[in-house]
Amino acid sequence: MKSNYQVFKLWWLAVLPLTKDAIHVYIGFLCLLIALVVLRRRLSSYWALVPGLLLSVAMEVLDLRDGYGWAESAKDLVNTNLMPFVLVTLARLKTFNF
């Protein structure tokens, strides 16, 4: 039997025309935007990454509880957090000119 969390994920996968990996990337960007707007963090602050990291770890804990493997969870953590991390790091290096 699938948990309510897995049913919720499958419903979103059926509604959105995206792969599971792509949805993780979008979740990471959404968490970064929420941190920037709602928590009023600067793009150059590593603290802006905390909401995405916390949410992705929570999602993967639920996946591990439901029998998904460590390798899949590690890949999902990278998919969710890599691009926001790259953007924040580039902002800290003053790569952007705005």
PDB file of N, CA and C in Angstrom:
ATOM      1  N   MET A   1       0.838  -1.191   0.000  1.00  0.00           N
ATOM      2  CA  MET A   1       0.000   0.000   0.000  1.00  0.00           C
ATOM      3  C   MET A   1       0.878   1.248   0.000  1.00  0.00           C
ATOM      4  N   LYS A   2       0.494   2.227  -0.771  1.00  0.00           N
ATOM      5  CA  LYS A   2       1.253   3.458  -0.865  1.00  0.00           C
ATOM      6  C   LYS A   2       0.828   4.424   0.237  1.00  0.00           C
ATOM      7  N   SER A   3       1.805   5.185   0.726  1.00  0.00           N
ATOM      8  CA  SER A   3       1.495   6.192   1.746  1.00  0.00           C
ATOM      9  C   SER A   3       0.777   7.367   1.084  1.00  0.00           C
ATOM     10  N   ASN A   4       0.151   8.190   1.902  1.00  0.00           N
ATOM     11  CA  ASN A   4      -0.527   9.381   1.385  1.00  0.00           C
ATOM     12  C   ASN A   4       0.457  10.296   0.671  1.00  0.00           C
ATOM     13  N   TYR A   5       1.691  10.354   1.161  1.00  0.00           N
ATOM     14  CA  TYR A   5       2.706  11.188   0.527  1.00  0.00           C
ATOM     15  C   TYR A   5       3.006  10.698  -0.881  1.00  0.00           C
ATOM     16  N   GLN A   6       3.140   9.400  -1.072  1.00  0.00           N
ATOM     17  CA  GLN A   6       3.420   8.847  -2.395  1.00  0.00           C
ATOM     18  C   GLN A   6       2.237   9.060  -3.340  1.00  0.00           C
ATOM     19  N   VAL A   7       1.011   8.935  -2.828  1.00  0.00           N
ATOM     20  CA  VAL A   7      -0.176   9.197  -3.641  1.00  0.00           C
ATOM     21  C   VAL A   7      -0.203  10.665  -4.066  1.00  0.00           C
ATOM     22  N   PHE A   8       0.148  11.567  -3.141  1.00  0.00           N
ATOM     23  CA  PHE A   8       0.212  12.998  -3.432  1.00  0.00           C
ATOM     24  C   PHE A   8       1.232  13.279  -4.535  1.00  0.00           C
ATOM     25  N   LYS A   9       2.409  12.668  -4.429  1.00  0.00           N
ATOM     26  CA  LYS A   9       3.441  12.850  -5.461  1.00  0.00           C
ATOM     27  C   LYS A   9       2.980  12.315  -6.811  1.00  0.00           C
ATOM     28  N   LEU A  10       2.375  11.140  -6.821  1.00  0.00           N
ATOM     29  CA  LEU A  10       1.904  10.555  -8.079  1.00  0.00           C
ATOM     30  C   LEU A  10       0.819  11.413  -8.716  1.00  0.00           C
ATOM     31  N   TRP A  11      -0.028  12.035  -7.897  1.00  0.00           N
ATOM     32  CA  TRP A  11      -1.054  12.917  -8.432  1.00  0.00           C
ATOM     33  C   TRP A  11      -0.409  14.107  -9.139  1.00  0.00           C
ATOM     34  N   TRP A  12       0.606  14.734  -8.504  1.00  0.00           N
ATOM     35  CA  TRP A  12       1.289  15.866  -9.131  1.00  0.00           C
ATOM     36  C   TRP A  12       1.999  15.444 -10.415  1.00  0.00           C
ATOM     37  N   LEU A  13       2.591  14.267 -10.412  1.00  0.00           N
ATOM     38  CA  LEU A  13       3.255  13.782 -11.621  1.00  0.00           C
ATOM     39  C   LEU A  13       2.262  13.546 -12.754  1.00  0.00           C
ATOM     40  N   ALA A  14       1.030  13.169 -12.407  1.00  0.00           N
ATOM     41  CA  ALA A  14       0.002  12.967 -13.426  1.00  0.00           C
ATOM     42  C   ALA A  14      -0.525  14.299 -13.955  1.00  0.00           C
ATOM     43  N   VAL A  15      -0.556  15.318 -13.115  1.00  0.00           N
ATOM     44  CA  VAL A  15      -1.104  16.623 -13.495  1.00  0.00           C
ATOM     45  C   VAL A  15      -0.092  17.445 -14.283  1.00  0.00           C
ATOM     46  N   LEU A  16       1.163  17.448 -13.846  1.00  0.00           N
ATOM     47  CA  LEU A  16       2.187  18.272 -14.485  1.00  0.00           C
ATOM     48  C   LEU A  16       2.893  17.502 -15.601  1.00  0.00           C
ATOM     49  N   PRO A  17       3.126  18.147 -16.730  1.00  0.00           N
ATOM     50  CA  PRO A  17       3.806  17.459 -17.837  1.00  0.00           C
ATOM     51  C   PRO A  17       5.325  17.502 -17.673  1.00  0.00           C
ATOM     52  N   LEU A  18       5.810  17.096 -16.511  1.00  0.00           N
ATOM     53  CA  LEU A  18       7.236  17.116 -16.207  1.00  0.00           C
ATOM     54  C   LEU A  18       7.667  15.774 -15.649  1.00  0.00           C
ATOM     55  N   THR A  19       8.946  15.490 -15.781  1.00  0.00           N
ATOM     56  CA  THR A  19       9.475  14.274 -15.158  1.00  0.00           C
ATOM     57  C   THR A  19       9.685  14.524 -13.676  1.00  0.00           C
ATOM     58  N   LYS A  20       9.855  13.464 -12.943  1.00  0.00           N
ATOM     59  CA  LYS A  20      10.090  13.560 -11.497  1.00  0.00           C
ATOM     60  C   LYS A  20      11.347  14.377 -11.201  1.00  0.00           C
ATOM     61  N   ASP A  21      12.393  14.164 -11.989  1.00  0.00           N
ATOM     62  CA  ASP A  21      13.637  14.913 -11.779  1.00  0.00           C
ATOM     63  C   ASP A  21      13.449  16.396 -12.051  1.00  0.00           C
ATOM     64  N   ALA A  22      12.700  16.733 -13.091  1.00  0.00           N
ATOM     65  CA  ALA A  22      12.462  18.143 -13.412  1.00  0.00           C
ATOM     66  C   ALA A  22      11.652  18.819 -12.317  1.00  0.00           C
ATOM     67  N   ILE A  23      10.706  18.110 -11.734  1.00  0.00           N
ATOM     68  CA  ILE A  23       9.914  18.690 -10.650  1.00  0.00           C
ATOM     69  C   ILE A  23      10.809  19.038  -9.467  1.00  0.00           C
ATOM     70  N   HIS A  24      11.810  18.216  -9.200  1.00  0.00           N
ATOM     71  CA  HIS A  24      12.738  18.516  -8.109  1.00  0.00           C
ATOM     72  C   HIS A  24      13.494  19.819  -8.379  1.00  0.00           C
ATOM     73  N   VAL A  25      13.880  20.043  -9.623  1.00  0.00           N
ATOM     74  CA  VAL A  25      14.580  21.282  -9.970  1.00  0.00           C
ATOM     75  C   VAL A  25      13.665  22.486  -9.729  1.00  0.00           C
ATOM     76  N   TYR A  26      12.415  22.372 -10.150  1.00  0.00           N
ATOM     77  CA  TYR A  26      11.453  23.462  -9.941  1.00  0.00           C
ATOM     78  C   TYR A  26      11.206  23.706  -8.451  1.00  0.00           C
ATOM     79  N   ILE A  27      11.128  22.663  -7.663  1.00  0.00           N
ATOM     80  CA  ILE A  27      10.940  22.819  -6.220  1.00  0.00           C
ATOM     81  C   ILE A  27      12.114  23.584  -5.623  1.00  0.00           C
ATOM     82  N   GLY A  28      13.319  23.264  -6.066  1.00  0.00           N
ATOM     83  CA  GLY A  28      14.502  23.976  -5.572  1.00  0.00           C
ATOM     84  C   GLY A  28      14.454  25.456  -5.892  1.00  0.00           C
ATOM     85  N   PHE A  29      14.095  25.793  -7.142  1.00  0.00           N
ATOM     86  CA  PHE A  29      13.984  27.205  -7.517  1.00  0.00           C
ATOM     87  C   PHE A  29      12.879  27.897  -6.743  1.00  0.00           C
ATOM     88  N   LEU A  30      11.747  27.235  -6.563  1.00  0.00           N
ATOM     89  CA  LEU A  30      10.638  27.822  -5.815  1.00  0.00           C
ATOM     90  C   LEU A  30      11.042  28.109  -4.369  1.00  0.00           C
ATOM     91  N   CYS A  31      11.735  27.185  -3.752  1.00  0.00           N
ATOM     92  CA  CYS A  31      12.201  27.403  -2.369  1.00  0.00           C
ATOM     93  C   CYS A  31      13.185  28.574  -2.307  1.00  0.00           C
ATOM     94  N   LEU A  32      14.051  28.695  -3.295  1.00  0.00           N
ATOM     95  CA  LEU A  32      14.980  29.821  -3.330  1.00  0.00           C
ATOM     96  C   LEU A  32      14.223  31.133  -3.471  1.00  0.00           C
ATOM     97  N   LEU A  33      13.234  31.177  -4.360  1.00  0.00           N
ATOM     98  CA  LEU A  33      12.446  32.395  -4.526  1.00  0.00           C
ATOM     99  C   LEU A  33      11.684  32.754  -3.262  1.00  0.00           C
ATOM    100  N   ILE A  34      11.135  31.766  -2.583  1.00  0.00           N
ATOM    101  CA  ILE A  34      10.424  32.018  -1.324  1.00  0.00           C
ATOM    102  C   ILE A  34      11.383  32.593  -0.288  1.00  0.00           C
ATOM    103  N   ALA A  35      12.572  32.031  -0.209  1.00  0.00           N
ATOM    104  CA  ALA A  35      13.557  32.537   0.751  1.00  0.00           C
ATOM    105  C   ALA A  35      13.942  33.977   0.425  1.00  0.00           C
ATOM    106  N   LEU A  36      14.065  34.287  -0.858  1.00  0.00           N
ATOM    107  CA  LEU A  36      14.451  35.639  -1.256  1.00  0.00           C
ATOM    108  C   LEU A  36      13.345  36.649  -0.992  1.00  0.00           C
ATOM    109  N   VAL A  37      12.108  36.274  -1.267  1.00  0.00           N
ATOM    110  CA  VAL A  37      10.996  37.220  -1.160  1.00  0.00           C
ATOM    111  C   VAL A  37      10.396  37.249   0.241  1.00  0.00           C
ATOM    112  N   VAL A  38      10.002  36.088   0.739  1.00  0.00           N
ATOM    113  CA  VAL A  38       9.299  36.037   2.027  1.00  0.00           C
ATOM    114  C   VAL A  38      10.258  36.245   3.191  1.00  0.00           C
ATOM    115  N   LEU A  39      11.384  35.566   3.161  1.00  0.00           N
ATOM    116  CA  LEU A  39      12.345  35.691   4.262  1.00  0.00           C
ATOM    117  C   LEU A  39      13.285  36.878   4.079  1.00  0.00           C
ATOM    118  N   ARG A  40      13.155  37.564   2.933  1.00  0.00           N
ATOM    119  CA  ARG A  40      13.930  38.766   2.633  1.00  0.00           C
ATOM    120  C   ARG A  40      15.429  38.527   2.721  1.00  0.00           C
ATOM    121  N   ARG A  41      15.848  37.444   2.128  1.00  0.00           N
ATOM    122  CA  ARG A  41      17.277  37.131   2.054  1.00  0.00           C
ATOM    123  C   ARG A  41      17.839  37.655   0.741  1.00  0.00           C
ATOM    124  N   ARG A  42      19.120  37.935   0.736  1.00  0.00           N
ATOM    125  CA  ARG A  42      19.793  38.358  -0.486  1.00  0.00           C
ATOM    126  C   ARG A  42      20.199  37.120  -1.273  1.00  0.00           C
ATOM    127  N   LEU A  43      20.307  37.264  -2.575  1.00  0.00           N
ATOM    128  CA  LEU A  43      20.714  36.140  -3.409  1.00  0.00           C
ATOM    129  C   LEU A  43      22.111  35.655  -3.046  1.00  0.00           C
ATOM    130  N   SER A  44      22.922  36.521  -2.507  1.00  0.00           N
ATOM    131  CA  SER A  44      24.285  36.130  -2.149  1.00  0.00           C
ATOM    132  C   SER A  44      24.388  35.481  -0.773  1.00  0.00           C
ATOM    133  N   SER A  45      23.263  35.281  -0.099  1.00  0.00           N
ATOM    134  CA  SER A  45      23.271  34.678   1.236  1.00  0.00           C
ATOM    135  C   SER A  45      23.049  33.173   1.145  1.00  0.00           C
ATOM    136  N   TYR A  46      23.966  32.423   1.740  1.00  0.00           N
ATOM    137  CA  TYR A  46      23.778  30.972   1.770  1.00  0.00           C
ATOM    138  C   TYR A  46      22.564  30.585   2.611  1.00  0.00           C
ATOM    139  N   TRP A  47      22.102  31.467   3.476  1.00  0.00           N
ATOM    140  CA  TRP A  47      20.890  31.205   4.254  1.00  0.00           C
ATOM    141  C   TRP A  47      19.666  31.063   3.355  1.00  0.00           C
ATOM    142  N   ALA A  48      19.723  31.630   2.151  1.00  0.00           N
ATOM    143  CA  ALA A  48      18.609  31.502   1.213  1.00  0.00           C
ATOM    144  C   ALA A  48      18.437  30.060   0.743  1.00  0.00           C
ATOM    145  N   LEU A  49      19.441  29.235   0.939  1.00  0.00           N
ATOM    146  CA  LEU A  49      19.376  27.834   0.527  1.00  0.00           C
ATOM    147  C   LEU A  49      18.719  26.937   1.572  1.00  0.00           C
ATOM    148  N   VAL A  50      18.582  27.428   2.783  1.00  0.00           N
ATOM    149  CA  VAL A  50      18.095  26.583   3.882  1.00  0.00           C
ATOM    150  C   VAL A  50      16.682  26.044   3.641  1.00  0.00           C
ATOM    151  N   PRO A  51      15.691  26.859   3.209  1.00  0.00           N
ATOM    152  CA  PRO A  51      14.349  26.274   2.992  1.00  0.00           C
ATOM    153  C   PRO A  51      14.345  25.129   1.984  1.00  0.00           C
ATOM    154  N   GLY A  52      15.072  25.278   0.889  1.00  0.00           N
ATOM    155  CA  GLY A  52      15.132  24.205  -0.102  1.00  0.00           C
ATOM    156  C   GLY A  52      15.803  22.962   0.437  1.00  0.00           C
ATOM    157  N   LEU A  53      16.856  23.163   1.189  1.00  0.00           N
ATOM    158  CA  LEU A  53      17.559  22.020   1.776  1.00  0.00           C
ATOM    159  C   LEU A  53      16.668  21.292   2.779  1.00  0.00           C
ATOM    160  N   LEU A  54      15.989  22.047   3.635  1.00  0.00           N
ATOM    161  CA  LEU A  54      15.109  21.421   4.628  1.00  0.00           C
ATOM    162  C   LEU A  54      13.956  20.670   3.963  1.00  0.00           C
ATOM    163  N   LEU A  55      13.333  21.291   2.962  1.00  0.00           N
ATOM    164  CA  LEU A  55      12.218  20.632   2.287  1.00  0.00           C
ATOM    165  C   LEU A  55      12.684  19.378   1.550  1.00  0.00           C
ATOM    166  N   SER A  56      13.818  19.470   0.863  1.00  0.00           N
ATOM    167  CA  SER A  56      14.295  18.305   0.115  1.00  0.00           C
ATOM    168  C   SER A  56      14.685  17.160   1.044  1.00  0.00           C
ATOM    169  N   VAL A  57      15.290  17.467   2.176  1.00  0.00           N
ATOM    170  CA  VAL A  57      15.627  16.408   3.142  1.00  0.00           C
ATOM    171  C   VAL A  57      14.351  15.782   3.697  1.00  0.00           C
ATOM    172  N   ALA A  58      13.353  16.602   4.008  1.00  0.00           N
ATOM    173  CA  ALA A  58      12.086  16.064   4.520  1.00  0.00           C
ATOM    174  C   ALA A  58      11.418  15.154   3.483  1.00  0.00           C
ATOM    175  N   MET A  59      11.428  15.575   2.221  1.00  0.00           N
ATOM    176  CA  MET A  59      10.829  14.739   1.172  1.00  0.00           C
ATOM    177  C   MET A  59      11.574  13.416   1.026  1.00  0.00           C
ATOM    178  N   GLU A  60      12.886  13.461   1.133  1.00  0.00           N
ATOM    179  CA  GLU A  60      13.671  12.232   0.961  1.00  0.00           C
ATOM    180  C   GLU A  60      13.561  11.313   2.175  1.00  0.00           C
ATOM    181  N   VAL A  61      13.370  11.870   3.355  1.00  0.00           N
ATOM    182  CA  VAL A  61      13.119  11.033   4.537  1.00  0.00           C
ATOM    183  C   VAL A  61      11.827  10.237   4.327  1.00  0.00           C
ATOM    184  N   LEU A  62      10.805  10.916   3.795  1.00  0.00           N
ATOM    185  CA  LEU A  62       9.548  10.215   3.517  1.00  0.00           C
ATOM    186  C   LEU A  62       9.725   9.159   2.426  1.00  0.00           C
ATOM    187  N   ASP A  63      10.504   9.465   1.408  1.00  0.00           N
ATOM    188  CA  ASP A  63      10.766   8.473   0.364  1.00  0.00           C
ATOM    189  C   ASP A  63      11.519   7.267   0.924  1.00  0.00           C
ATOM    190  N   LEU A  64      12.517   7.522   1.762  1.00  0.00           N
ATOM    191  CA  LEU A  64      13.269   6.404   2.357  1.00  0.00           C
ATOM    192  C   LEU A  64      12.361   5.569   3.254  1.00  0.00           C
ATOM    193  N   ARG A  65      11.467   6.219   3.975  1.00  0.00           N
ATOM    194  CA  ARG A  65      10.516   5.496   4.826  1.00  0.00           C
ATOM    195  C   ARG A  65       9.636   4.578   3.992  1.00  0.00           C
ATOM    196  N   ASP A  66       9.306   5.037   2.790  1.00  0.00           N
ATOM    197  CA  ASP A  66       8.418   4.268   1.921  1.00  0.00           C
ATOM    198  C   ASP A  66       9.148   3.265   1.038  1.00  0.00           C
ATOM    199  N   GLY A  67      10.443   3.079   1.266  1.00  0.00           N
ATOM    200  CA  GLY A  67      11.159   2.010   0.592  1.00  0.00           C
ATOM    201  C   GLY A  67      11.981   2.405  -0.613  1.00  0.00           C
ATOM    202  N   TYR A  68      12.108   3.679  -0.898  1.00  0.00           N
ATOM    203  CA  TYR A  68      12.963   4.092  -2.010  1.00  0.00           C
ATOM    204  C   TYR A  68      14.416   4.021  -1.565  1.00  0.00           C
ATOM    205  N   GLY A  69      15.325   3.841  -2.498  1.00  0.00           N
ATOM    206  CA  GLY A  69      16.729   3.624  -2.181  1.00  0.00           C
ATOM    207  C   GLY A  69      17.495   4.908  -1.916  1.00  0.00           C
ATOM    208  N   TRP A  70      18.675   4.719  -1.315  1.00  0.00           N
ATOM    209  CA  TRP A  70      19.558   5.840  -0.995  1.00  0.00           C
ATOM    210  C   TRP A  70      20.059   6.550  -2.248  1.00  0.00           C
ATOM    211  N   ALA A  71      20.354   5.797  -3.290  1.00  0.00           N
ATOM    212  CA  ALA A  71      20.884   6.408  -4.511  1.00  0.00           C
ATOM    213  C   ALA A  71      19.859   7.347  -5.139  1.00  0.00           C
ATOM    214  N   GLU A  72      18.622   6.922  -5.186  1.00  0.00           N
ATOM    215  CA  GLU A  72      17.558   7.770  -5.736  1.00  0.00           C
ATOM    216  C   GLU A  72      17.363   9.016  -4.877  1.00  0.00           C
ATOM    217  N   SER A  73      17.432   8.851  -3.571  1.00  0.00           N
ATOM    218  CA  SER A  73      17.280  10.003  -2.672  1.00  0.00           C
ATOM    219  C   SER A  73      18.439  10.982  -2.825  1.00  0.00           C
ATOM    220  N   ALA A  74      19.642  10.468  -2.967  1.00  0.00           N
ATOM    221  CA  ALA A  74      20.799  11.350  -3.155  1.00  0.00           C
ATOM    222  C   ALA A  74      20.665  12.129  -4.463  1.00  0.00           C
ATOM    223  N   LYS A  75      20.215  11.473  -5.509  1.00  0.00           N
ATOM    224  CA  LYS A  75      20.016  12.147  -6.799  1.00  0.00           C
ATOM    225  C   LYS A  75      18.958  13.239  -6.676  1.00  0.00           C
ATOM    226  N   ASP A  76      17.877  12.955  -5.945  1.00  0.00           N
ATOM    227  CA  ASP A  76      16.826  13.946  -5.756  1.00  0.00           C
ATOM    228  C   ASP A  76      17.321  15.144  -4.950  1.00  0.00           C
ATOM    229  N   LEU A  77      18.161  14.900  -3.954  1.00  0.00           N
ATOM    230  CA  LEU A  77      18.737  16.008  -3.178  1.00  0.00           C
ATOM    231  C   LEU A  77      19.592  16.908  -4.066  1.00  0.00           C
ATOM    232  N   VAL A  78      20.371  16.300  -4.931  1.00  0.00           N
ATOM    233  CA  VAL A  78      21.201  17.083  -5.854  1.00  0.00           C
ATOM    234  C   VAL A  78      20.323  17.854  -6.838  1.00  0.00           C
ATOM    235  N   ASN A  79      19.314  17.189  -7.404  1.00  0.00           N
ATOM    236  CA  ASN A  79      18.428  17.858  -8.360  1.00  0.00           C
ATOM    237  C   ASN A  79      17.721  19.055  -7.738  1.00  0.00           C
ATOM    238  N   THR A  80      17.354  18.945  -6.481  1.00  0.00           N
ATOM    239  CA  THR A  80      16.624  20.025  -5.825  1.00  0.00           C
ATOM    240  C   THR A  80      17.536  21.187  -5.448  1.00  0.00           C
ATOM    241  N   ASN A  81      18.761  20.907  -5.052  1.00  0.00           N
ATOM    242  CA  ASN A  81      19.593  21.945  -4.446  1.00  0.00           C
ATOM    243  C   ASN A  81      20.764  22.448  -5.281  1.00  0.00           C
ATOM    244  N   LEU A  82      21.116  21.759  -6.359  1.00  0.00           N
ATOM    245  CA  LEU A  82      22.314  22.148  -7.098  1.00  0.00           C
ATOM    246  C   LEU A  82      22.196  23.519  -7.760  1.00  0.00           C
ATOM    247  N   MET A  83      21.153  23.749  -8.532  1.00  0.00           N
ATOM    248  CA  MET A  83      21.043  25.022  -9.254  1.00  0.00           C
ATOM    249  C   MET A  83      20.894  26.218  -8.312  1.00  0.00           C
ATOM    250  N   PRO A  84      20.074  26.137  -7.253  1.00  0.00           N
ATOM    251  CA  PRO A  84      20.066  27.259  -6.306  1.00  0.00           C
ATOM    252  C   PRO A  84      21.447  27.502  -5.681  1.00  0.00           C
ATOM    253  N   PHE A  85      22.173  26.427  -5.383  1.00  0.00           N
ATOM    254  CA  PHE A  85      23.513  26.581  -4.823  1.00  0.00           C
ATOM    255  C   PHE A  85      24.439  27.280  -5.817  1.00  0.00           C
ATOM    256  N   VAL A  86      24.352  26.899  -7.082  1.00  0.00           N
ATOM    257  CA  VAL A  86      25.190  27.528  -8.112  1.00  0.00           C
ATOM    258  C   VAL A  86      24.848  29.008  -8.236  1.00  0.00           C
ATOM    259  N   LEU A  87      23.560  29.345  -8.252  1.00  0.00           N
ATOM    260  CA  LEU A  87      23.163  30.749  -8.358  1.00  0.00           C
ATOM    261  C   LEU A  87      23.653  31.580  -7.175  1.00  0.00           C
ATOM    262  N   VAL A  88      23.505  31.061  -5.975  1.00  0.00           N
ATOM    263  CA  VAL A  88      23.959  31.791  -4.788  1.00  0.00           C
ATOM    264  C   VAL A  88      25.478  31.937  -4.814  1.00  0.00           C
ATOM    265  N   THR A  89      26.174  30.901  -5.185  1.00  0.00           N
ATOM    266  CA  THR A  89      27.633  30.972  -5.246  1.00  0.00           C
ATOM    267  C   THR A  89      28.088  31.981  -6.292  1.00  0.00           C
ATOM    268  N   LEU A  90      27.448  31.989  -7.454  1.00  0.00           N
ATOM    269  CA  LEU A  90      27.786  32.977  -8.475  1.00  0.00           C
ATOM    270  C   LEU A  90      27.501  34.399  -7.986  1.00  0.00           C
ATOM    271  N   ALA A  91      26.408  34.569  -7.261  1.00  0.00           N
ATOM    272  CA  ALA A  91      26.101  35.891  -6.710  1.00  0.00           C
ATOM    273  C   ALA A  91      27.147  36.309  -5.688  1.00  0.00           C
ATOM    274  N   ARG A  92      27.616  35.371  -4.886  1.00  0.00           N
ATOM    275  CA  ARG A  92      28.649  35.688  -3.891  1.00  0.00           C
ATOM    276  C   ARG A  92      29.972  36.052  -4.560  1.00  0.00           C
ATOM    277  N   LEU A  93      30.234  35.455  -5.712  1.00  0.00           N
ATOM    278  CA  LEU A  93      31.456  35.764  -6.448  1.00  0.00           C
ATOM    279  C   LEU A  93      31.309  37.033  -7.287  1.00  0.00           C
ATOM    280  N   LYS A  94      30.150  37.664  -7.177  1.00  0.00           N
ATOM    281  CA  LYS A  94      29.847  38.908  -7.904  1.00  0.00           C
ATOM    282  C   LYS A  94      29.949  38.712  -9.415  1.00  0.00           C
ATOM    283  N   THR A  95      29.446  37.578  -9.873  1.00  0.00           N
ATOM    284  CA  THR A  95      29.438  37.272 -11.293  1.00  0.00           C
ATOM    285  C   THR A  95      28.354  38.077 -12.009  1.00  0.00           C
ATOM    286  N   PHE A  96      27.244  38.325 -11.295  1.00  0.00           N
ATOM    287  CA  PHE A  96      26.151  39.081 -11.879  1.00  0.00           C
ATOM    288  C   PHE A  96      26.414  40.561 -11.705  1.00  0.00           C
ATOM    289  N   ASN A  97      26.053  41.364 -12.696  1.00  0.00           N
ATOM    290  CA  ASN A  97      26.282  42.798 -12.637  1.00  0.00           C
ATOM    291  C   ASN A  97      24.983  43.564 -12.459  1.00  0.00           C
ATOM    292  N   PHE A  98      24.213  43.223 -11.434  1.00  0.00           N
ATOM    293  CA  PHE A  98      23.010  44.012 -11.145  1.00  0.00           C
ATOM    294  C   PHE A  98      22.810  44.166  -9.680  1.00  0.00           C
TER     295      PHE A  98
END
